[in-house]
Amino acid sequence: MKLKWESISMFQQNTFLIKLVSASLITCLAFRFLIFRFSQFSPVQVSVNGNSDPQISPPSVILSDNEDIIPGDIEVEKCDLFTGKWIKDPLGPIYTNKTCGIVVDGHQNCITNGRPDSGFLYWKWKPNDCSLPRFDPKRFLQLMRNKSWALIGDSISRNHVESLLCMLSTVEKPAEVYHDENYRSKRWHFPSYNFTISNIWSPFLVQAAIFEDSNGVSSAAVQLHLDKLDNTWTDLFPSLDYAIISSGEWFLKTAVYHENANTVGCHGCPESSNMTDLGFDYAYNTSLRYVMDFIAKSKTKGMIFFRTSIPDHFEDGEWHNGGTCKKTEPVSEEEVEMKVLNRILRDVEISQFERVVMEMGQESGNLKLLDFAGMLLTRPDGHPGAYREFRPFDKDKNAKVQNDCLHWCLPGPIDYLNDVILEIIVSDRTGK
């Protein structure tokens, strides 16, 4: 009996030693892997003095070796991808201001323009109830082989398409194959994938006569035909495999409204006018009704996203009267409130989207809502601000300059719209 007990005791000791050695080996391997991962990471290097070319150092990460990518055999629970928070991300963006400098509009190239802080680049979007894989540009291109995309709308759409192009350029550089006379509508082609992306300039989505310069200064009221869609996008629409349609901010401009070839009213009417001020919400609601009805009746087989308008972050003024945005970090939902005008625009958008989905019934499966308003509301730090122009304070550190608190720096928070969109596409294909 004693011999049997000693044998058992010795066996238990040996087992304990084996477990201890195994645990030590695993710990060492994990520690070496952690050190390796972080040794690859290069911090942002920004120079704001002299004539050097400031740039973000490219993050040395392998896209397929990504802590955010969930293996395909794991069932991802459905969740609201648009409700969550921004969390710190040491990896940072997958592209830099230099690697995508040609594609990026100069007004959004914040680092090159001299923005001195870089912390705004190291945050990522985290939905509350599930993981969101980091955008994988190679996977996106593989899914889009022989497909066509279009982002239709205003300068925020252009901002978004540039973000997407920059992310995809880490795999293959696109060739610009078309532009209109004013270079506002463009098309790019990825030859290895026979994939095209178009940016279609149509800020109202309906026909409009616009009289303003590149800085947004108007010389006359917009003439807006609420019941006539802009064929700049409707002619191309049936051929698209994917489209993101949006509008909003331009309806806040002074405009004269036309329906059935008659002048019916205006917004921001001059005092001498005999027209009725119908308000921008009337025009937006009427126009969107025609847009949504067109989509519903088009019978397109493509996936159509309708994106809600994006709130701005001007403080102490607006675009042309001294508004600024000086924050350098995200804020919590409790620290920021959507402006009344932005809320009215979004209410119109949600109302028209829900109406057409109800009317379409089961046929509405390919029409999807992208409501990024809450997601980007908490990122007042992501705008160019004073750095929409090249080195605005080089000659005078106290210079009064135009601030841009509407568009987004590239790289910047708008990149994470693409993370969400890719996840929606993948989930739709797999039926998750």
Foldseek 3Di string as FASTA:
>chain_A
DVVVVVVVVVVVVVVVVVVVVVVVVVVVVVVVVVVVQVVQADAADADQDDDDQGKGDARRDDLVPFPQDDDPVDDWDDDDQQAFDKDFASRFDRFMCVLLVVLDDLLQQQRRLRDPDDRQRGIATQHDRTGFHDDDLVVVLQVQQLAEEEEEAAVQSSLLVSLNQRNNVVPPHWDWDDADPVRQWTKTAGVVRRYMYIYQYDQLQFDKDFADDPLRDHPDAIETEQQGGDCSDVVCVQRHQEYEYEHAPVLQTWHFYDYPNHTAATDPDDPPDPGHHPDSLVSNLSNLLNVLVCVLPSLHPHQYEYEQAAAFDFDPDDQPPQTFQDDAYFDDPVVFDGDPSSVSSRVSVVVSVVVSCVVSDPVCPRYYYHYNHVVCRRCQNFFSTQSSHRHPPPPPVPDRGGTDRRHGHVVHDSSNSSSVVVVVVVCVVVVD
